[in-house]
All heavy atoms as atom14 arrays in JSON, in Angstrom:
{
  "sequence": "LTNQTESTFLYRGEQLRAVTYTVQRNGQPVQLRNINVRPFSITCSP",
  "atom14_mask": [
    [1, 1, 1, 1, 1, 1, 1, 1, 0, 0, 0, 0, 0, 0],
    [1, 1, 1, 1, 1, 1, 1, 0, 0, 0, 0, 0, 0, 0],
    [1, 1, 1, 1, 1, 1, 1, 1, 0, 0, 0, 0, 0, 0],
    [1, 1, 1, 1, 1, 1, 1, 1, 1, 0, 0, 0, 0, 0],
    [1, 1, 1, 1, 1, 1, 1, 0, 0, 0, 0, 0, 0, 0],
    [1, 1, 1, 1, 1, 1, 1, 1, 1, 0, 0, 0, 0, 0],
    [1, 1, 1, 1, 1, 1, 0, 0, 0, 0, 0, 0, 0, 0],
    [1, 1, 1, 1, 1, 1, 1, 0, 0, 0, 0, 0, 0, 0],
    [1, 1, 1, 1, 1, 1, 1, 1, 1, 1, 1, 0, 0, 0],
    [1, 1, 1, 1, 1, 1, 1, 1, 0, 0, 0, 0, 0, 0],
    [1, 1, 1, 1, 1, 1, 1, 1, 1, 1, 1, 1, 0, 0],
    [1, 1, 1, 1, 1, 1, 1, 1, 1, 1, 1, 0, 0, 0],
    [1, 1, 1, 1, 0, 0, 0, 0, 0, 0, 0, 0, 0, 0],
    [1, 1, 1, 1, 1, 1, 1, 1, 1, 0, 0, 0, 0, 0],
    [1, 1, 1, 1, 1, 1, 1, 1, 1, 0, 0, 0, 0, 0],
    [1, 1, 1, 1, 1, 1, 1, 1, 0, 0, 0, 0, 0, 0],
    [1, 1, 1, 1, 1, 1, 1, 1, 1, 1, 1, 0, 0, 0],
    [1, 1, 1, 1, 1, 0, 0, 0, 0, 0, 0, 0, 0, 0],
    [1, 1, 1, 1, 1, 1, 1, 0, 0, 0, 0, 0, 0, 0],
    [1, 1, 1, 1, 1, 1, 1, 0, 0, 0, 0, 0, 0, 0],
    [1, 1, 1, 1, 1, 1, 1, 1, 1, 1, 1, 1, 0, 0],
    [1, 1, 1, 1, 1, 1, 1, 0, 0, 0, 0, 0, 0, 0],
    [1, 1, 1, 1, 1, 1, 1, 0, 0, 0, 0, 0, 0, 0],
    [1, 1, 1, 1, 1, 1, 1, 1, 1, 0, 0, 0, 0, 0],
    [1, 1, 1, 1, 1, 1, 1, 1, 1, 1, 1, 0, 0, 0],
    [1, 1, 1, 1, 1, 1, 1, 1, 0, 0, 0, 0, 0, 0],
    [1, 1, 1, 1, 0, 0, 0, 0, 0, 0, 0, 0, 0, 0],
    [1, 1, 1, 1, 1, 1, 1, 1, 1, 0, 0, 0, 0, 0],
    [1, 1, 1, 1, 1, 1, 1, 0, 0, 0, 0, 0, 0, 0],
    [1, 1, 1, 1, 1, 1, 1, 0, 0, 0, 0, 0, 0, 0],
    [1, 1, 1, 1, 1, 1, 1, 1, 1, 0, 0, 0, 0, 0],
    [1, 1, 1, 1, 1, 1, 1, 1, 0, 0, 0, 0, 0, 0],
    [1, 1, 1, 1, 1, 1, 1, 1, 1, 1, 1, 0, 0, 0],
    [1, 1, 1, 1, 1, 1, 1, 1, 0, 0, 0, 0, 0, 0],
    [1, 1, 1, 1, 1, 1, 1, 1, 0, 0, 0, 0, 0, 0],
    [1, 1, 1, 1, 1, 1, 1, 1, 0, 0, 0, 0, 0, 0],
    [1, 1, 1, 1, 1, 1, 1, 0, 0, 0, 0, 0, 0, 0],
    [1, 1, 1, 1, 1, 1, 1, 1, 1, 1, 1, 0, 0, 0],
    [1, 1, 1, 1, 1, 1, 1, 0, 0, 0, 0, 0, 0, 0],
    [1, 1, 1, 1, 1, 1, 1, 1, 1, 1, 1, 0, 0, 0],
    [1, 1, 1, 1, 1, 1, 0, 0, 0, 0, 0, 0, 0, 0],
    [1, 1, 1, 1, 1, 1, 1, 1, 0, 0, 0, 0, 0, 0],
    [1, 1, 1, 1, 1, 1, 1, 0, 0, 0, 0, 0, 0, 0],
    [1, 1, 1, 1, 1, 1, 0, 0, 0, 0, 0, 0, 0, 0],
    [1, 1, 1, 1, 1, 1, 0, 0, 0, 0, 0, 0, 0, 0],
    [1, 1, 1, 1, 1, 1, 1, 0, 0, 0, 0, 0, 0, 0]
  ],
  "atom14_positions": [
    [[10.67, 200.11, -112.16], [9.93, 200.92, -113.11], [9.96, 200.24, -114.47], [11.02, 199.91, -114.99], [10.56, 202.31, -113.21], [9.9, 203.29, -114.17], [8.5, 203.63, -113.7], [10.74, 204.55, -114.29], [0.0, 0.0, 0.0], [0.0, 0.0, 0.0], [0.0, 0.0, 0.0], [0.0, 0.0, 0.0], [0.0, 0.0, 0.0], [0.0, 0.0, 0.0]],
    [[8.78, 199.99, -115.05], [8.72, 199.31, -116.34], [8.19, 200.19, -117.46], [8.46, 199.92, -118.62], [7.84, 198.05, -116.25], [6.53, 198.42, -115.83], [8.43, 197.04, -115.28], [0.0, 0.0, 0.0], [0.0, 0.0, 0.0], [0.0, 0.0, 0.0], [0.0, 0.0, 0.0], [0.0, 0.0, 0.0], [0.0, 0.0, 0.0], [0.0, 0.0, 0.0]],
    [[7.42, 201.24, -117.12], [6.87, 202.11, -118.16], [6.56, 203.47, -117.55], [6.18, 203.57, -116.39], [5.59, 201.5, -118.74], [5.11, 202.26, -119.95], [5.88, 202.92, -120.63], [3.81, 202.18, -120.21], [0.0, 0.0, 0.0], [0.0, 0.0, 0.0], [0.0, 0.0, 0.0], [0.0, 0.0, 0.0], [0.0, 0.0, 0.0], [0.0, 0.0, 0.0]],
    [[6.71, 204.53, -118.37], [6.44, 205.89, -117.9], [5.87, 206.7, -119.05], [6.44, 206.7, -120.15], [7.74, 206.51, -117.39], [7.61, 207.91, -116.88], [8.9, 208.4, -116.27], [9.61, 207.66, -115.59], [9.23, 209.65, -116.51], [0.0, 0.0, 0.0], [0.0, 0.0, 0.0], [0.0, 0.0, 0.0], [0.0, 0.0, 0.0], [0.0, 0.0, 0.0]],
    [[4.75, 207.4, -118.82], [4.11, 208.2, -119.85], [3.78, 209.58, -119.29], [3.13, 209.68, -118.25], [2.79, 207.53, -120.32], [3.06, 206.2, -120.7], [2.18, 208.29, -121.48], [0.0, 0.0, 0.0], [0.0, 0.0, 0.0], [0.0, 0.0, 0.0], [0.0, 0.0, 0.0], [0.0, 0.0, 0.0], [0.0, 0.0, 0.0], [0.0, 0.0, 0.0]],
    [[4.22, 210.62, -119.99], [3.92, 211.98, -119.55], [2.61, 212.45, -120.14], [2.27, 212.12, -121.28], [5.05, 212.93, -119.94], [6.32, 212.66, -119.16], [7.32, 213.8, -119.26], [6.9, 214.95, -119.47], [8.51, 213.52, -119.11], [0.0, 0.0, 0.0], [0.0, 0.0, 0.0], [0.0, 0.0, 0.0], [0.0, 0.0, 0.0], [0.0, 0.0, 0.0]],
    [[1.87, 213.23, -119.35], [0.59, 213.78, -119.81], [0.29, 215.02, -118.98], [1.17, 215.55, -118.32], [-0.52, 212.72, -119.65], [-0.67, 212.38, -118.29], [0.0, 0.0, 0.0], [0.0, 0.0, 0.0], [0.0, 0.0, 0.0], [0.0, 0.0, 0.0], [0.0, 0.0, 0.0], [0.0, 0.0, 0.0], [0.0, 0.0, 0.0], [0.0, 0.0, 0.0]],
    [[-0.96, 215.47, -119.03], [-1.39, 216.59, -118.2], [-2.65, 216.19, -117.45], [-3.36, 215.26, -117.84], [-1.67, 217.85, -119.03], [-2.67, 217.55, -120.0], [-0.41, 218.35, -119.72], [0.0, 0.0, 0.0], [0.0, 0.0, 0.0], [0.0, 0.0, 0.0], [0.0, 0.0, 0.0], [0.0, 0.0, 0.0], [0.0, 0.0, 0.0], [0.0, 0.0, 0.0]],
    [[-2.93, 216.91, -116.37], [-4.14, 216.7, -115.58], [-4.78, 218.06, -115.4], [-4.13, 219.02, -115.0], [-3.79, 216.08, -114.22], [-4.99, 215.8, -113.37], [-5.75, 214.66, -113.59], [-5.37, 216.67, -112.35], [-6.86, 214.39, -112.82], [-6.48, 216.4, -111.58], [-7.24, 215.26, -111.81], [0.0, 0.0, 0.0], [0.0, 0.0, 0.0], [0.0, 0.0, 0.0]],
    [[-6.06, 218.17, -115.71], [-6.77, 219.44, -115.62], [-7.38, 219.59, -114.23], [-8.22, 218.78, -113.82], [-7.87, 219.5, -116.69], [-8.57, 220.83, -116.87], [-7.57, 221.9, -117.31], [-9.69, 220.7, -117.88], [0.0, 0.0, 0.0], [0.0, 0.0, 0.0], [0.0, 0.0, 0.0], [0.0, 0.0, 0.0], [0.0, 0.0, 0.0], [0.0, 0.0, 0.0]],
    [[-6.95, 220.63, -113.51], [-7.48, 220.92, -112.18], [-7.86, 222.38, -112.13], [-7.01, 223.26, -112.25], [-6.44, 220.6, -111.09], [-6.93, 220.92, -109.7], [-7.85, 220.11, -109.07], [-6.47, 222.05, -109.03], [-8.32, 220.4, -107.8], [-6.92, 222.35, -107.75], [-7.84, 221.53, -107.14], [-8.3, 221.83, -105.89], [0.0, 0.0, 0.0], [0.0, 0.0, 0.0]],
    [[-9.17, 222.64, -112.0], [-9.71, 224.0, -111.93], [-9.22, 224.87, -113.09], [-8.79, 226.0, -112.9], [-9.4, 224.64, -110.6], [-10.09, 223.96, -109.45], [-9.94, 224.75, -108.19], [-10.72, 224.13, -107.13], [-10.86, 224.64, -105.93], [-10.27, 225.76, -105.63], [-11.59, 224.01, -105.04], [0.0, 0.0, 0.0], [0.0, 0.0, 0.0], [0.0, 0.0, 0.0]],
    [[-9.25, 224.31, -114.27], [-8.88, 225.06, -115.47], [-7.38, 225.17, -115.71], [-6.96, 225.75, -116.7], [0.0, 0.0, 0.0], [0.0, 0.0, 0.0], [0.0, 0.0, 0.0], [0.0, 0.0, 0.0], [0.0, 0.0, 0.0], [0.0, 0.0, 0.0], [0.0, 0.0, 0.0], [0.0, 0.0, 0.0], [0.0, 0.0, 0.0], [0.0, 0.0, 0.0]],
    [[-6.57, 224.62, -114.83], [-5.12, 224.68, -114.98], [-4.58, 223.31, -115.38], [-4.93, 222.29, -114.81], [-4.48, 225.1, -113.66], [-3.0, 225.3, -113.74], [-2.4, 225.78, -112.42], [-3.16, 226.09, -111.49], [-1.17, 225.82, -112.34], [0.0, 0.0, 0.0], [0.0, 0.0, 0.0], [0.0, 0.0, 0.0], [0.0, 0.0, 0.0], [0.0, 0.0, 0.0]],
    [[-3.73, 223.3, -116.4], [-3.11, 222.05, -116.85], [-1.87, 221.79, -116.01], [-0.94, 222.59, -116.0], [-2.71, 222.16, -118.33], [-3.89, 222.35, -119.24], [-4.03, 221.21, -120.22], [-3.14, 220.41, -120.38], [-5.16, 221.17, -120.88], [0.0, 0.0, 0.0], [0.0, 0.0, 0.0], [0.0, 0.0, 0.0], [0.0, 0.0, 0.0], [0.0, 0.0, 0.0]],
    [[-1.89, 220.67, -115.3], [-0.77, 220.29, -114.45], [0.0, 219.14, -115.09], [-0.61, 218.25, -115.7], [-1.28, 219.86, -113.07], [-2.15, 220.88, -112.33], [-2.73, 220.26, -111.08], [-1.34, 222.11, -111.99], [0.0, 0.0, 0.0], [0.0, 0.0, 0.0], [0.0, 0.0, 0.0], [0.0, 0.0, 0.0], [0.0, 0.0, 0.0], [0.0, 0.0, 0.0]],
    [[1.31, 219.13, -114.93], [2.13, 218.04, -115.46], [1.84, 216.77, -114.69], [1.82, 216.75, -113.45], [3.61, 218.4, -115.33], [4.54, 217.35, -115.89], [6.0, 217.78, -115.75], [6.87, 216.74, -116.23], [7.37, 215.77, -115.46], [7.08, 215.73, -114.19], [8.16, 214.85, -115.98], [0.0, 0.0, 0.0], [0.0, 0.0, 0.0], [0.0, 0.0, 0.0]],
    [[1.62, 215.7, -115.42], [1.34, 214.4, -114.8], [2.21, 213.33, -115.47], [2.5, 213.4, -116.66], [-0.12, 214.03, -114.94], [0.0, 0.0, 0.0], [0.0, 0.0, 0.0], [0.0, 0.0, 0.0], [0.0, 0.0, 0.0], [0.0, 0.0, 0.0], [0.0, 0.0, 0.0], [0.0, 0.0, 0.0], [0.0, 0.0, 0.0], [0.0, 0.0, 0.0]],
    [[2.6, 212.36, -114.68], [3.36, 211.22, -115.19], [2.66, 209.96, -114.69], [2.44, 209.79, -113.49], [4.83, 211.24, -114.71], [5.57, 210.0, -115.2], [5.53, 212.5, -115.14], [0.0, 0.0, 0.0], [0.0, 0.0, 0.0], [0.0, 0.0, 0.0], [0.0, 0.0, 0.0], [0.0, 0.0, 0.0], [0.0, 0.0, 0.0], [0.0, 0.0, 0.0]],
    [[2.27, 209.11, -115.62], [1.7, 207.82, -115.27], [2.8, 206.79, -115.45], [3.44, 206.75, -116.5], [0.5, 207.48, -116.16], [-0.48, 208.51, -116.01], [-0.11, 206.14, -115.78], [0.0, 0.0, 0.0], [0.0, 0.0, 0.0], [0.0, 0.0, 0.0], [0.0, 0.0, 0.0], [0.0, 0.0, 0.0], [0.0, 0.0, 0.0], [0.0, 0.0, 0.0]],
    [[3.01, 205.99, -114.44], [4.06, 205.0, -114.54], [3.59, 203.65, -114.02], [2.69, 203.56, -113.2], [5.35, 205.46, -113.85], [5.19, 205.89, -112.42], [5.44, 205.01, -111.38], [4.83, 207.19, -112.1], [5.32, 205.41, -110.06], [4.7, 207.6, -110.79], [4.95, 206.7, -109.78], [4.82, 207.1, -108.47], [0.0, 0.0, 0.0], [0.0, 0.0, 0.0]],
    [[4.23, 202.63, -114.56], [3.96, 201.27, -114.15], [5.21, 200.73, -113.47], [6.3, 200.86, -114.01], [3.61, 200.38, -115.36], [2.51, 200.97, -116.06], [3.24, 198.97, -114.93], [0.0, 0.0, 0.0], [0.0, 0.0, 0.0], [0.0, 0.0, 0.0], [0.0, 0.0, 0.0], [0.0, 0.0, 0.0], [0.0, 0.0, 0.0], [0.0, 0.0, 0.0]],
    [[5.01, 200.17, -112.3], [6.12, 199.55, -111.57], [5.77, 198.1, -111.3], [4.61, 197.73, -111.25], [6.43, 200.28, -110.24], [6.94, 201.68, -110.47], [5.22, 200.29, -109.33], [0.0, 0.0, 0.0], [0.0, 0.0, 0.0], [0.0, 0.0, 0.0], [0.0, 0.0, 0.0], [0.0, 0.0, 0.0], [0.0, 0.0, 0.0], [0.0, 0.0, 0.0]],
    [[6.79, 197.29, -111.17], [6.62, 195.9, -110.77], [6.88, 195.84, -109.27], [7.98, 196.13, -108.82], [7.61, 194.99, -111.51], [7.33, 194.81, -112.96], [6.16, 193.89, -113.23], [5.8, 193.07, -112.4], [5.56, 194.04, -114.39], [0.0, 0.0, 0.0], [0.0, 0.0, 0.0], [0.0, 0.0, 0.0], [0.0, 0.0, 0.0], [0.0, 0.0, 0.0]],
    [[5.87, 195.5, -108.49], [6.02, 195.33, -107.05], [5.82, 193.87, -106.72], [4.72, 193.34, -106.9], [5.01, 196.17, -106.28], [5.33, 197.61, -106.23], [4.44, 198.33, -105.26], [4.71, 199.76, -105.29], [3.89, 200.67, -104.86], [2.72, 200.32, -104.36], [4.21, 201.93, -104.92], [0.0, 0.0, 0.0], [0.0, 0.0, 0.0], [0.0, 0.0, 0.0]],
    [[6.88, 193.25, -106.28], [6.82, 191.83, -105.94], [6.25, 191.0, -107.08], [5.44, 190.11, -106.89], [6.03, 191.61, -104.65], [6.65, 192.32, -103.47], [7.87, 192.38, -103.36], [5.83, 192.88, -102.62], [0.0, 0.0, 0.0], [0.0, 0.0, 0.0], [0.0, 0.0, 0.0], [0.0, 0.0, 0.0], [0.0, 0.0, 0.0], [0.0, 0.0, 0.0]],
    [[6.64, 191.35, -108.3], [6.23, 190.6, -109.48], [4.89, 190.99, -110.06], [4.49, 190.46, -111.09], [0.0, 0.0, 0.0], [0.0, 0.0, 0.0], [0.0, 0.0, 0.0], [0.0, 0.0, 0.0], [0.0, 0.0, 0.0], [0.0, 0.0, 0.0], [0.0, 0.0, 0.0], [0.0, 0.0, 0.0], [0.0, 0.0, 0.0], [0.0, 0.0, 0.0]],
    [[4.18, 191.93, -109.45], [2.86, 192.35, -109.93], [2.94, 193.77, -110.49], [3.51, 194.65, -109.85], [1.83, 192.32, -108.79], [1.65, 190.97, -108.16], [1.06, 189.96, -109.13], [0.18, 190.3, -109.92], [1.56, 188.75, -109.1], [0.0, 0.0, 0.0], [0.0, 0.0, 0.0], [0.0, 0.0, 0.0], [0.0, 0.0, 0.0], [0.0, 0.0, 0.0]],
    [[2.35, 194.03, -111.66], [2.36, 195.39, -112.21], [1.38, 196.29, -111.46], [0.25, 195.89, -111.17], [1.94, 195.21, -113.66], [1.15, 193.95, -113.66], [1.72, 193.09, -112.57], [0.0, 0.0, 0.0], [0.0, 0.0, 0.0], [0.0, 0.0, 0.0], [0.0, 0.0, 0.0], [0.0, 0.0, 0.0], [0.0, 0.0, 0.0], [0.0, 0.0, 0.0]],
    [[1.83, 197.5, -111.11], [1.0, 198.48, -110.42], [1.13, 199.79, -111.17], [2.25, 200.24, -111.46], [1.45, 198.66, -108.96], [0.64, 199.74, -108.26], [1.38, 197.36, -108.21], [0.0, 0.0, 0.0], [0.0, 0.0, 0.0], [0.0, 0.0, 0.0], [0.0, 0.0, 0.0], [0.0, 0.0, 0.0], [0.0, 0.0, 0.0], [0.0, 0.0, 0.0]],
    [[0.0, 200.43, -111.52], [0.04, 201.72, -112.19], [-0.26, 202.84, -111.21], [-1.16, 202.72, -110.38], [-0.98, 201.77, -113.32], [-0.56, 201.01, -114.55], [-1.43, 201.36, -115.73], [-2.62, 201.56, -115.6], [-0.82, 201.45, -116.89], [0.0, 0.0, 0.0], [0.0, 0.0, 0.0], [0.0, 0.0, 0.0], [0.0, 0.0, 0.0], [0.0, 0.0, 0.0]],
    [[0.5, 203.92, -111.31], [0.34, 205.09, -110.46], [0.44, 206.34, -111.3], [1.08, 206.36, -112.35], [1.43, 205.13, -109.39], [1.49, 203.94, -108.44], [2.78, 203.96, -107.65], [0.29, 203.94, -107.52], [0.0, 0.0, 0.0], [0.0, 0.0, 0.0], [0.0, 0.0, 0.0], [0.0, 0.0, 0.0], [0.0, 0.0, 0.0], [0.0, 0.0, 0.0]],
    [[-0.22, 207.41, -110.85], [-0.12, 208.71, -111.52], [0.46, 209.7, -110.53], [0.0, 209.8, -109.4], [-1.5, 209.18, -111.97], [-1.46, 210.53, -112.68], [-2.82, 211.15, -112.87], [-3.67, 210.36, -113.72], [-4.96, 210.64, -113.94], [-5.52, 211.68, -113.37], [-5.68, 209.88, -114.73], [0.0, 0.0, 0.0], [0.0, 0.0, 0.0], [0.0, 0.0, 0.0]],
    [[1.47, 210.43, -110.94], [2.08, 211.46, -110.13], [1.78, 212.79, -110.78], [2.11, 213.0, -111.94], [3.59, 211.23, -110.02], [4.21, 212.19, -109.05], [4.47, 213.32, -109.4], [4.45, 211.73, -107.84], [0.0, 0.0, 0.0], [0.0, 0.0, 0.0], [0.0, 0.0, 0.0], [0.0, 0.0, 0.0], [0.0, 0.0, 0.0], [0.0, 0.0, 0.0]],
    [[1.13, 213.69, -110.03], [0.75, 215.01, -110.56], [1.56, 216.07, -109.84], [1.58, 216.12, -108.61], [-0.76, 215.26, -110.38], [-1.55, 214.17, -111.1], [-1.13, 216.64, -110.91], [-3.04, 214.22, -110.85], [0.0, 0.0, 0.0], [0.0, 0.0, 0.0], [0.0, 0.0, 0.0], [0.0, 0.0, 0.0], [0.0, 0.0, 0.0], [0.0, 0.0, 0.0]],
    [[2.21, 216.93, -110.62], [3.04, 218.0, -110.08], [2.18, 219.24, -109.87], [1.73, 219.86, -110.82], [4.19, 218.29, -111.04], [5.19, 219.24, -110.44], [5.05, 219.66, -109.3], [6.2, 219.59, -111.21], [0.0, 0.0, 0.0], [0.0, 0.0, 0.0], [0.0, 0.0, 0.0], [0.0, 0.0, 0.0], [0.0, 0.0, 0.0], [0.0, 0.0, 0.0]],
    [[1.93, 219.56, -108.58], [1.17, 220.75, -108.2], [2.13, 221.61, -107.41], [2.2, 221.52, -106.2], [-0.05, 220.38, -107.31], [-0.93, 221.6, -107.08], [-0.84, 219.24, -107.91], [0.0, 0.0, 0.0], [0.0, 0.0, 0.0], [0.0, 0.0, 0.0], [0.0, 0.0, 0.0], [0.0, 0.0, 0.0], [0.0, 0.0, 0.0], [0.0, 0.0, 0.0]],
    [[2.91, 222.4, -108.09], [3.98, 223.13, -107.43], [3.49, 223.83, -106.19], [2.44, 224.45, -106.24], [4.61, 224.13, -108.4], [5.36, 223.41, -109.48], [6.11, 224.37, -110.34], [6.8, 223.61, -111.37], [7.04, 224.04, -112.57], [6.68, 225.25, -112.91], [7.67, 223.29, -113.42], [0.0, 0.0, 0.0], [0.0, 0.0, 0.0], [0.0, 0.0, 0.0]],
    [[4.15, 223.72, -105.08], [5.49, 223.19, -104.84], [5.49, 221.74, -104.36], [6.43, 221.3, -103.72], [6.03, 224.1, -103.75], [4.81, 224.39, -102.92], [3.67, 224.46, -103.92], [0.0, 0.0, 0.0], [0.0, 0.0, 0.0], [0.0, 0.0, 0.0], [0.0, 0.0, 0.0], [0.0, 0.0, 0.0], [0.0, 0.0, 0.0], [0.0, 0.0, 0.0]],
    [[4.44, 220.99, -104.62], [4.38, 219.6, -104.16], [3.83, 218.73, -105.28], [3.44, 219.22, -106.33], [3.52, 219.47, -102.89], [2.08, 219.88, -103.11], [1.13, 218.96, -103.51], [1.69, 221.19, -102.92], [-0.18, 219.33, -103.71], [0.37, 221.57, -103.13], [-0.56, 220.64, -103.51], [0.0, 0.0, 0.0], [0.0, 0.0, 0.0], [0.0, 0.0, 0.0]],
    [[3.83, 217.44, -105.04], [3.22, 216.51, -106.0], [2.42, 215.48, -105.22], [2.67, 215.23, -104.04], [4.27, 215.84, -106.88], [5.11, 215.03, -106.1], [0.0, 0.0, 0.0], [0.0, 0.0, 0.0], [0.0, 0.0, 0.0], [0.0, 0.0, 0.0], [0.0, 0.0, 0.0], [0.0, 0.0, 0.0], [0.0, 0.0, 0.0], [0.0, 0.0, 0.0]],
    [[1.43, 214.91, -105.89], [0.61, 213.88, -105.26], [0.65, 212.63, -106.14], [0.89, 212.72, -107.34], [-0.85, 214.34, -105.03], [-1.55, 214.76, -106.35], [-0.9, 215.5, -104.07], [-2.57, 213.79, -106.77], [0.0, 0.0, 0.0], [0.0, 0.0, 0.0], [0.0, 0.0, 0.0], [0.0, 0.0, 0.0], [0.0, 0.0, 0.0], [0.0, 0.0, 0.0]],
    [[0.39, 211.5, -105.54], [0.32, 210.24, -106.27], [-1.09, 209.69, -106.09], [-1.61, 209.66, -104.97], [1.36, 209.24, -105.74], [2.66, 209.82, -105.89], [1.31, 207.93, -106.51], [0.0, 0.0, 0.0], [0.0, 0.0, 0.0], [0.0, 0.0, 0.0], [0.0, 0.0, 0.0], [0.0, 0.0, 0.0], [0.0, 0.0, 0.0], [0.0, 0.0, 0.0]],
    [[-1.68, 209.27, -107.2], [-3.05, 208.77, -107.15], [-3.25, 207.73, -108.26], [-2.34, 207.42, -109.01], [-4.03, 209.92, -107.31], [-3.81, 210.87, -108.83], [0.0, 0.0, 0.0], [0.0, 0.0, 0.0], [0.0, 0.0, 0.0], [0.0, 0.0, 0.0], [0.0, 0.0, 0.0], [0.0, 0.0, 0.0], [0.0, 0.0, 0.0], [0.0, 0.0, 0.0]],
    [[-4.48, 207.25, -108.35], [-4.83, 206.25, -109.36], [-4.88, 206.89, -110.75], [-5.46, 207.96, -110.91], [-6.19, 205.64, -109.04], [-6.65, 204.88, -110.12], [0.0, 0.0, 0.0], [0.0, 0.0, 0.0], [0.0, 0.0, 0.0], [0.0, 0.0, 0.0], [0.0, 0.0, 0.0], [0.0, 0.0, 0.0], [0.0, 0.0, 0.0], [0.0, 0.0, 0.0]],
    [[-4.31, 206.25, -111.76], [-4.36, 206.82, -113.11], [-5.75, 206.71, -113.74], [-6.01, 207.33, -114.76], [-3.34, 205.99, -113.89], [-3.24, 204.72, -113.14], [-3.52, 205.04, -111.7], [0.0, 0.0, 0.0], [0.0, 0.0, 0.0], [0.0, 0.0, 0.0], [0.0, 0.0, 0.0], [0.0, 0.0, 0.0], [0.0, 0.0, 0.0], [0.0, 0.0, 0.0]]
  ]
}
């Protein structure tokens, strides 16, 4: 993990907690977004 930024994601009028993070995978930077949709979370493109 090299960077992490908290934000929100708007889904059907509801603000959901989101975290965008950058990881180094085999020397290459990869950005991912994790959205908390209680009781689960999903990972997608930022």
